[in-house]
Protein backbone atom coordinates (compact mmCIF):
# COMPACT_ATOMS: atom_id res chain seq x y z
CA MET A 1 78.92 -25.61 354.49
CA LEU A 2 82.25 -24.57 352.93
CA LEU A 3 81.04 -20.90 351.84
CA LEU A 4 78.93 -20.46 355.01
CA SER A 5 81.74 -18.73 356.81
CA VAL A 6 82.72 -16.34 354.09
CA LEU A 7 79.08 -15.30 353.53
CA TRP A 8 78.52 -14.94 357.21
CA VAL A 9 81.51 -12.88 357.94
CA GLY A 10 80.95 -10.81 354.87
CA LYS A 11 77.23 -10.09 356.03
CA LEU A 12 78.53 -8.98 359.27
CA CYS A 13 81.34 -6.79 358.01
CA MET A 14 79.46 -4.81 355.22
CA ALA A 15 78.99 -1.45 356.94
CA ALA A 16 79.88 1.93 356.58
CA ALA A 17 79.60 3.56 360.12
CA PRO A 18 81.42 2.76 363.27
CA LEU A 19 79.98 0.69 366.15
CA SER A 20 78.02 3.26 368.37
CA ILE A 21 75.71 0.91 370.37
CA PRO A 22 77.07 0.08 373.70
CA ILE A 23 76.81 -3.50 375.02
CA GLN A 24 77.65 -4.25 378.66
CA VAL A 25 77.09 -6.98 381.43
CA VAL A 26 74.90 -5.37 384.21
CA GLU A 27 73.93 -8.31 386.38
CA PRO A 28 75.56 -11.98 386.39
CA TRP A 29 73.11 -13.14 383.37
CA ILE A 30 71.65 -9.80 382.25
CA VAL A 31 73.19 -7.66 379.26
CA GLU A 32 72.24 -4.09 378.38
CA VAL A 33 72.29 -2.86 374.80
CA GLY A 34 72.09 0.90 373.84
CA PRO A 35 71.17 3.41 373.41
CA GLY A 36 72.92 4.22 370.15
CA ARG A 37 72.75 3.76 366.51
CA VAL A 38 74.92 1.79 363.79
CA THR A 39 74.87 0.74 360.33
CA LEU A 40 75.37 -2.94 359.72
CA GLY A 41 74.72 -4.96 356.61
CA GLY A 42 73.40 -1.83 354.86
CA ARG A 43 70.66 -1.53 357.66
CA ASN A 44 70.42 1.47 360.04
CA ILE A 45 69.83 0.21 363.53
CA VAL A 46 68.70 2.60 366.03
CA VAL A 47 68.31 1.71 369.88
CA ASP A 48 66.54 4.71 371.37
CA LYS A 49 66.89 3.67 375.10
CA ALA A 50 68.90 1.02 376.86
CA VAL A 51 67.41 -2.50 376.48
CA ARG A 52 68.17 -5.32 379.06
CA LEU A 53 68.29 -8.90 377.95
CA GLU A 54 68.55 -12.13 379.71
CA VAL A 55 70.99 -14.73 378.75
CA LEU A 56 70.55 -18.24 379.93
CA PRO A 57 73.34 -20.02 381.80
CA PRO A 58 74.96 -22.88 380.43
CA LYS A 59 73.00 -26.09 381.11
CA LEU A 60 74.33 -28.54 383.60
CA GLU A 61 74.09 -32.17 382.31
CA ARG A 62 74.20 -35.21 384.60
CA VAL A 63 75.65 -38.54 383.61
CA THR A 64 75.03 -41.39 385.72
CA ASP A 65 76.35 -45.06 385.39
CA GLU A 66 78.35 -44.59 382.19
CA LYS A 67 80.09 -47.98 381.36
CA TYR A 68 83.73 -48.32 380.75
CA GLU A 69 85.33 -51.78 379.89
CA ASN A 70 89.05 -52.62 380.08
CA LEU A 71 90.08 -49.10 381.47
CA PRO A 72 93.62 -48.51 380.19
CA VAL A 73 96.55 -47.68 382.62
CA TYR A 74 96.58 -43.86 383.51
CA ASN A 75 99.62 -42.19 381.95
CA GLU A 76 100.47 -39.45 384.01
CA LYS A 77 103.44 -38.16 381.80
CA ALA A 78 101.48 -38.09 378.78
CA ALA A 79 99.65 -34.82 377.32
CA GLY A 80 96.56 -34.14 379.25
CA TRP A 81 94.22 -35.24 376.46
CA THR A 82 95.99 -38.66 376.07
CA LYS A 83 96.64 -39.66 379.64
CA GLY A 84 93.52 -42.11 379.63
CA VAL A 85 89.92 -42.56 378.20
CA LYS A 86 87.77 -39.53 377.25
CA MET A 87 84.13 -38.92 378.41
CA PRO A 88 81.90 -39.31 375.31
CA PRO A 89 79.78 -36.12 375.85
CA LEU A 90 83.19 -34.16 376.12
CA LYS A 91 84.94 -35.60 372.86
CA ALA A 92 86.34 -33.15 370.36
CA GLU A 93 88.37 -33.66 367.52
CA GLU A 94 91.28 -35.97 368.74
CA CYS A 95 90.68 -34.90 372.42
CA SER A 96 88.33 -33.87 375.12
CA ALA A 97 86.98 -30.45 375.34
CA THR A 98 88.72 -28.60 378.41
CA GLY A 99 87.21 -27.11 381.33
CA LEU A 100 83.69 -28.53 380.71
CA LEU A 101 83.56 -31.09 383.46
CA THR A 102 82.09 -29.97 386.75
CA SER A 103 84.85 -29.50 389.19
CA GLY A 104 84.55 -32.47 391.92
CA SER A 105 81.68 -34.35 390.13
CA LEU A 106 83.35 -37.43 388.90
CA ARG A 107 82.48 -40.73 390.90
CA MET A 108 84.00 -44.04 389.75
CA LYS A 109 82.36 -47.21 390.87
CA ASP A 110 82.16 -51.11 390.39
CA ALA A 111 78.55 -51.28 389.42
CA PRO A 112 75.43 -49.19 388.40
CA GLY A 113 73.94 -47.47 391.44
CA SER A 114 76.73 -48.77 393.50
CA THR A 115 77.93 -46.81 396.74
CA HIS A 116 81.33 -48.36 396.55
CA LEU A 117 83.54 -45.66 394.88
CA PHE A 118 87.09 -46.05 393.69
CA LYS A 119 89.65 -43.65 395.21
CA ALA A 120 91.26 -41.00 392.85
CA GLY A 121 94.96 -41.10 393.05
CA THR A 122 94.95 -44.80 394.20
CA ASP A 123 92.61 -46.68 392.07
CA TYR A 124 92.56 -44.46 389.13
CA GLY A 125 94.26 -41.37 387.84
CA PHE A 126 92.27 -38.38 386.58
CA ASP A 127 93.06 -35.25 384.76
CA GLU A 128 90.07 -33.00 385.48
CA PHE A 129 90.68 -30.21 383.20
CA TRP A 130 91.18 -32.44 380.12
CA ALA A 131 88.42 -35.05 381.37
CA THR A 132 90.63 -38.06 380.93
CA PHE A 133 91.10 -41.01 383.18
CA GLY A 134 92.68 -44.52 383.82
CA ARG A 135 93.30 -47.24 386.25
CA ILE A 136 96.42 -47.11 388.36
CA GLU A 137 98.26 -50.39 388.42
CA GLY A 138 98.05 -51.97 391.97
CA GLY A 139 94.88 -50.13 392.68
CA ALA A 140 91.20 -51.73 393.12
CA ILE A 141 90.39 -51.59 389.43
CA GLY A 142 91.56 -54.64 387.65
CA ALA A 143 92.87 -54.88 384.07
CA ASN A 144 89.67 -56.37 382.56
CA GLN A 145 87.22 -54.83 385.04
CA THR A 146 84.26 -52.97 383.84
CA VAL A 147 83.70 -49.68 385.98
CA TYR A 148 81.04 -46.97 386.05
CA ALA A 149 81.15 -43.20 386.04
CA ASP A 150 78.70 -40.45 387.38
CA TYR A 151 79.69 -36.93 386.42
CA GLU A 152 78.42 -33.54 385.57
CA TYR A 153 79.17 -31.30 382.68
CA ALA A 154 77.99 -28.29 380.54
CA HIS A 155 78.62 -27.53 376.90
CA ASN A 156 79.88 -24.23 375.24
CA ARG A 157 77.25 -22.16 373.56
CA LEU A 158 77.28 -19.01 371.14
CA ASP A 159 74.16 -16.97 371.32
CA SER A 160 73.45 -13.70 369.16
CA ILE A 161 71.88 -10.44 369.91
CA VAL A 162 69.82 -9.63 366.92
CA PHE A 163 67.91 -6.56 365.72
CA ASN A 164 64.76 -8.16 364.38
CA GLU A 165 62.33 -7.06 361.55
CA ASN A 166 60.14 -5.37 364.13
CA GLY A 167 62.98 -3.18 365.32
CA LYS A 168 63.36 -4.97 368.54
CA LEU A 169 66.39 -6.47 370.08
CA GLN A 170 66.44 -10.16 371.01
CA ILE A 171 68.71 -12.91 372.01
CA VAL A 172 68.78 -15.93 369.63
CA GLN A 173 70.17 -19.00 371.41
CA GLY A 174 72.81 -21.06 369.77
CA THR A 175 73.07 -24.81 370.15
CA PRO A 176 75.49 -26.21 372.84
CA ALA A 177 78.42 -28.07 371.71
CA GLN A 178 81.80 -29.38 373.14
CA ALA A 179 84.02 -27.48 370.88
CA LEU A 180 82.39 -26.16 367.70
CA ALA A 181 79.65 -23.73 369.22
CA LEU A 182 78.29 -22.45 366.03
CA PRO A 183 76.50 -19.02 365.91
CA PRO A 184 72.51 -19.54 365.75
CA THR A 185 70.77 -19.31 362.36
CA VAL A 186 69.07 -15.93 362.03
CA GLU A 187 66.28 -14.89 359.62
CA SER A 188 67.16 -12.74 356.53
CA GLU A 189 65.51 -9.70 358.27
CA GLU A 190 67.53 -10.10 361.19
CA THR A 191 70.86 -8.25 361.74
CA VAL A 192 73.34 -9.69 364.24
CA ILE A 193 74.89 -6.79 366.38
CA ALA A 194 76.96 -8.96 368.74
CA ASN A 195 77.60 -12.69 369.90
CA ILE A 196 77.82 -13.96 373.34
CA PHE A 197 80.28 -16.79 373.99
CA ILE A 198 79.13 -18.90 377.05
CA SER A 199 81.55 -21.60 378.06
CA GLY A 200 80.57 -24.56 379.88
CA GLU A 201 82.70 -23.26 382.82
CA THR A 202 80.93 -19.81 382.72
CA ARG A 203 79.29 -18.98 386.16
CA LYS A 204 78.44 -15.61 385.36
CA LEU A 205 78.79 -13.10 382.44
CA ALA A 206 81.57 -10.64 382.21
CA ASN A 207 82.34 -8.26 379.37
CA ASP A 208 84.82 -10.50 377.97
CA ASN A 209 81.97 -12.83 377.06
CA LEU A 210 80.58 -10.10 374.84
CA PHE A 211 81.61 -9.86 371.11
CA PRO A 212 80.02 -7.00 369.36
CA VAL A 213 80.15 -6.57 365.63
CA ASP A 214 82.48 -3.77 364.81
CA ALA A 215 80.83 -2.20 361.81
CA SER A 216 83.93 -0.03 360.64
CA LEU A 217 85.92 -3.17 359.85
CA ALA A 218 86.49 -3.88 356.26
CA LEU A 219 85.25 -6.95 354.48
CA ALA A 220 87.37 -10.21 355.28
CA TYR A 221 90.50 -10.56 353.37
CA SER A 222 90.21 -7.24 351.78
CA ASP A 223 92.97 -5.57 353.62
CA GLY A 224 96.35 -5.08 351.82
CA LYS A 225 97.19 -5.19 348.05
CA PRO A 226 98.44 -8.27 346.06
CA VAL A 227 102.09 -8.57 346.47
CA ALA A 228 102.68 -11.28 343.78
CA GLU A 229 103.86 -8.84 341.15
CA ARG A 230 106.84 -7.75 343.48
CA LEU A 231 107.43 -10.95 345.43
CA LEU A 232 106.24 -13.94 343.34
CA PRO A 233 106.98 -12.76 339.97
CA LYS A 234 107.94 -16.04 338.40
CA THR A 235 104.85 -17.79 339.67
CA LEU A 236 102.44 -14.98 338.74
CA ALA A 237 104.06 -14.84 335.15
CA LYS A 238 103.51 -18.64 334.56
CA LEU A 239 99.79 -18.28 335.82
CA ARG A 240 99.26 -15.48 333.46
CA GLU A 241 100.78 -17.32 330.67
CA GLY A 242 98.73 -20.17 331.34
CA LYS A 243 101.60 -22.68 332.13
CA PRO A 244 101.76 -25.50 334.66
CA VAL A 245 102.39 -24.31 338.29
CA THR A 246 103.43 -26.88 340.98
CA ILE A 247 102.92 -25.55 344.56
CA VAL A 248 104.10 -27.33 347.65
CA ALA A 249 102.20 -26.89 350.72
CA PHE A 250 104.98 -27.64 353.53
CA GLY A 251 103.51 -27.88 357.05
CA ASP A 252 102.31 -29.80 360.06
CA SER A 253 98.90 -30.96 361.25
CA VAL A 254 97.12 -28.17 359.74
CA THR A 255 98.58 -28.81 356.32
CA CYS A 256 97.56 -32.39 356.69
CA GLY A 257 93.79 -31.52 357.21
CA GLY A 258 93.91 -31.21 361.01
CA GLY A 259 90.40 -29.93 361.96
CA VAL A 260 88.50 -30.94 358.93
CA GLY A 261 89.35 -34.69 358.36
CA GLY A 262 90.25 -36.66 355.40
CA ASP A 263 88.34 -34.77 352.71
CA LYS A 264 91.08 -33.03 350.83
CA SER A 265 88.84 -30.70 349.15
CA LEU A 266 88.36 -29.13 352.63
CA TRP A 267 92.16 -28.62 353.24
CA TYR A 268 93.18 -24.97 352.69
CA GLN A 269 95.81 -25.81 350.24
CA TYR A 270 93.26 -27.44 347.91
CA GLN A 271 90.84 -24.78 348.65
CA PHE A 272 93.46 -22.37 347.75
CA GLU A 273 94.26 -24.53 344.55
CA LYS A 274 90.62 -24.23 343.39
CA LEU A 275 90.35 -20.50 344.08
CA LEU A 276 93.64 -19.90 342.30
CA GLN A 277 92.74 -22.02 339.21
CA ALA A 278 89.39 -20.13 338.94
CA ARG A 279 91.48 -16.91 338.95
CA PHE A 280 93.83 -18.10 336.22
CA PRO A 281 91.88 -20.62 334.30
CA LYS A 282 94.39 -21.00 331.38
CA ALA A 283 96.93 -22.30 333.81
CA THR A 284 97.21 -25.69 335.18
CA VAL A 285 97.72 -25.29 338.95
CA LYS A 286 98.85 -28.46 341.04
CA ILE A 287 99.25 -28.62 344.80
CA LEU A 288 101.47 -31.39 346.51
CA THR A 289 101.29 -31.64 350.28
CA ALA A 290 104.37 -32.22 352.48
CA GLY A 291 102.77 -32.39 355.83
CA TRP A 292 103.63 -33.97 359.06
CA GLY A 293 101.16 -33.73 361.94
CA GLY A 294 102.62 -32.87 365.28
CA ALA A 295 106.03 -32.05 363.92
CA CYS A 296 107.98 -28.58 363.59
CA SER A 297 109.83 -27.67 360.39
CA GLN A 298 113.17 -28.84 361.84
CA ALA A 299 111.99 -32.25 362.42
CA TYR A 300 110.94 -32.52 358.91
CA LEU A 301 114.53 -31.21 357.67
CA ASP A 302 116.11 -33.80 360.13
CA SER A 303 114.01 -36.71 359.15
CA PRO A 304 115.87 -39.51 357.31
CA LYS A 305 116.10 -39.85 353.69
CA GLY A 306 113.49 -42.28 352.36
CA SER A 307 111.60 -42.06 355.51
CA GLU A 308 107.79 -41.28 355.75
CA HIS A 309 108.78 -37.53 355.91
CA ASP A 310 111.78 -36.95 353.59
CA PHE A 311 112.25 -33.17 353.05
CA VAL A 312 114.47 -33.50 349.77
CA ARG A 313 111.90 -35.90 348.28
CA ASP A 314 108.85 -34.28 349.30
CA VAL A 315 109.79 -30.61 348.87
CA ILE A 316 112.93 -30.14 346.81
CA ASP A 317 112.81 -32.80 344.43
CA PRO A 318 109.35 -31.72 342.86
CA LYS A 319 111.17 -28.52 341.87
CA PRO A 320 108.01 -26.51 342.74
CA ASP A 321 107.44 -23.15 341.34
CA LEU A 322 106.22 -22.02 345.03
CA VAL A 323 106.36 -23.40 348.43
CA THR A 324 103.96 -22.34 351.05
CA ILE A 325 105.18 -22.79 354.69
CA GLU A 326 102.58 -23.24 357.55
CA PHE A 327 104.04 -24.46 360.94
CA VAL A 328 102.12 -23.34 364.09
CA ASN A 329 104.37 -25.93 365.73
CA ASP A 330 107.37 -23.43 365.05
CA ALA A 331 105.84 -21.20 367.47
CA TYR A 332 108.42 -22.08 370.10
CA PHE A 333 110.88 -19.88 368.26
CA ASP A 334 111.50 -16.24 369.41
CA GLU A 335 112.25 -13.58 367.13
CA ALA A 336 115.93 -14.25 366.76
CA GLY A 337 115.54 -17.92 366.52
CA THR A 338 112.79 -17.67 363.70
CA ALA A 339 115.32 -15.47 361.65
CA LYS A 340 117.99 -17.94 361.89
CA HIS A 341 115.85 -21.13 361.19
CA TYR A 342 114.08 -19.46 358.30
CA THR A 343 117.08 -17.93 356.91
CA ALA A 344 118.52 -21.41 356.28
CA LEU A 345 115.06 -23.13 355.43
CA VAL A 346 113.97 -20.24 352.65
CA GLY A 347 117.49 -20.20 351.46
CA GLN A 348 117.28 -23.66 350.55
CA LEU A 349 114.13 -23.51 348.79
CA GLN A 350 115.20 -20.49 346.78
CA GLN A 351 118.45 -22.09 345.79
CA ASN A 352 116.21 -24.81 344.36
CA GLY A 353 114.44 -22.24 342.28
CA SER A 354 111.29 -21.96 344.26
CA GLU A 355 109.55 -18.77 345.34
CA VAL A 356 108.04 -18.92 348.85
CA ILE A 357 104.99 -17.70 350.86
CA LEU A 358 105.21 -17.81 354.76
CA ILE A 359 101.90 -18.30 356.39
CA THR A 360 101.55 -16.85 359.80
CA PRO A 361 99.70 -19.38 361.93
CA HIS A 362 96.27 -19.39 363.37
CA LEU A 363 95.41 -18.51 366.96
CA VAL A 364 95.44 -21.56 369.44
CA ARG A 365 93.86 -21.84 372.84
CA PRO A 366 94.74 -18.64 374.83
CA ASP A 367 96.74 -20.44 377.71
CA TRP A 368 99.07 -21.72 375.08
CA MET A 369 99.78 -18.28 373.96
CA LYS A 370 100.20 -17.07 377.55
CA VAL A 371 97.11 -14.61 377.28
CA ASP A 372 93.75 -14.68 379.16
CA THR A 373 91.38 -13.34 376.49
CA MET A 374 90.16 -14.01 373.00
CA LYS A 375 90.26 -10.30 372.45
CA PHE A 376 93.65 -8.87 370.87
CA ASP A 377 94.57 -6.99 367.93
CA GLU A 378 98.20 -8.23 367.51
CA ASP A 379 99.39 -11.91 367.71
CA PRO A 380 101.18 -12.11 371.16
CA ARG A 381 103.57 -14.78 369.78
CA PRO A 382 107.42 -13.85 369.21
CA TYR A 383 107.19 -16.37 366.55
CA VAL A 384 104.71 -14.36 364.44
CA ARG A 385 106.51 -11.18 364.87
CA GLY A 386 109.85 -12.74 363.92
CA LEU A 387 108.27 -14.45 360.88
CA LYS A 388 106.97 -10.90 359.76
CA GLN A 389 110.18 -9.16 360.32
CA PHE A 390 112.18 -11.92 358.50
CA ALA A 391 109.86 -11.63 355.66
CA GLU A 392 110.24 -7.93 355.57
CA SER A 393 113.91 -7.81 355.69
CA HIS A 394 114.50 -10.56 352.95
CA GLY A 395 111.68 -9.69 350.51
CA ILE A 396 109.38 -12.86 351.16
CA ALA A 397 105.65 -12.83 350.76
CA VAL A 398 103.60 -13.28 353.77
CA ALA A 399 100.13 -14.74 353.89
CA ASP A 400 99.19 -13.11 357.10
CA ALA A 401 96.46 -15.53 358.30
CA SER A 402 97.31 -14.57 361.89
CA ALA A 403 95.95 -11.08 361.40
CA GLU A 404 92.80 -12.22 360.07
CA TRP A 405 92.46 -14.44 363.19
CA CYS A 406 93.17 -11.59 365.37
CA LYS A 407 90.20 -9.63 363.72
CA LEU A 408 87.43 -12.39 364.29
CA TYR A 409 86.58 -11.09 367.84
CA ARG A 410 85.75 -7.58 366.27
CA ARG A 411 83.62 -9.54 363.68
CA GLY A 412 81.76 -11.00 366.64
CA ILE A 413 83.39 -14.26 366.52
CA PRO A 414 85.38 -15.88 369.53
CA TYR A 415 88.22 -17.65 367.73
CA ILE A 416 87.97 -20.56 369.69
CA THR A 417 84.72 -21.33 368.33
CA ILE A 418 86.18 -22.23 364.89
CA LEU A 419 88.93 -24.60 366.43
CA ALA A 420 87.33 -27.92 365.79
CA ASN A 421 89.10 -29.44 369.08
CA ALA A 422 88.91 -25.97 371.06
CA ILE A 423 92.78 -26.27 371.15
CA ASN A 424 94.73 -25.91 367.81
CA HIS A 425 92.94 -27.34 364.71
CA PRO A 426 90.90 -24.88 362.62
CA ASP A 427 87.66 -26.11 361.21
CA VAL A 428 86.47 -25.76 357.74
CA ARG A 429 86.02 -21.94 358.02
CA GLY A 430 89.49 -21.69 359.57
CA HIS A 431 90.85 -23.52 356.48
CA GLU A 432 88.81 -21.44 354.21
CA LEU A 433 90.43 -18.36 355.99
CA PHE A 434 94.01 -19.68 355.07
CA ALA A 435 93.08 -20.26 351.59
CA ARG A 436 91.51 -16.86 351.02
CA VAL A 437 94.41 -14.99 352.60
CA LEU A 438 96.68 -16.96 350.17
CA LEU A 439 94.36 -15.95 347.17
CA ASN A 440 94.59 -12.34 348.45
CA LEU A 441 98.33 -12.25 347.51
CA PHE A 442 97.71 -12.55 343.56
CA PRO A 443 95.74 -10.10 341.38
CA GLU A 444 92.79 -10.89 339.95
CA LYS A 445 94.29 -11.44 336.50
């Protein structure tokens, strides 16, 4: 599973000619492909005349008499995914997948098959977007009462348009999922020319659902040149000399394995440790993690001495050769705020003798970034621009993960499909992307 994404992305992107097969939506559930030609994966693909392919809508599922015991009190002030209980078919990592519940379909009742319905807003509170609900104190649902729910939903799906061994175009359907809608498995003789993302709330296709594979794009992680010679000279020298190298991964929930669980071998920094160790086998590479889920870097800096998250103990005292900094939770900063904050933070690390790599963050759900699409070539967040500007002006190394995430749509990948919770936690492929981008800063020997 770990290497699946790299091999898949690599296969999609190994090409020498630009994309020249048009793909467009021509009817609510019909796409038209061609005519045109392109080279993908070393294969010449020719579509002599336009071909129309039918895409299946998301399948609506109906749940009846779902049982809930001891319904908690609805917390209107909490974040949407924590306001109440989650519906089992819509559970993603740490939350419910959003927008998949059919609007107006929820019915809460006192017994299976009952026609006695509880009233939303009086008896129970309900966040339809996040699909969470709970009882309202003083309403008709008692503290220990069992209730039953009826509702309708549809999962997300990722289909592929492939050019098969017979020289024909066809759609290979993916498996529906509440968050991680994986691309379908295709045969070795088949070449993916585009993916189609169908969310559970899609009611008709638009061109924004189409993700053609850009044949002109370079292999993943191949852009740019290693900068360790110039910006990480002390760490690189120790690696080359076969000496012990200590690296602290400083960050938030992603650095704590958000999206991949407790298996640390899947966390980006330990994937990076393994890759860097293989590249410099005579050295001894040791990764230490200083992570705090849900926190920004300032919170870690302000946390009391001796607490669970003690910046001095966790980041300064180990005297690391290198500190990597990953904080998607710092994305509330604008450019000026980023420069001010990181001048102090990086200065403290450098005074401690550590070199620094700033990791630009992955992409999160579009509305959190104030965009309405998954297709953009430059990260829209001021924080990311500020981080790069700060690094450039201060001679700090940047592992530009954000840039790779912004290329995903050109590789045929809707980035939200590699977020384990469809919000902000990258899955194993996303963690691997971080690791590879970090490794790309170092020369091969």
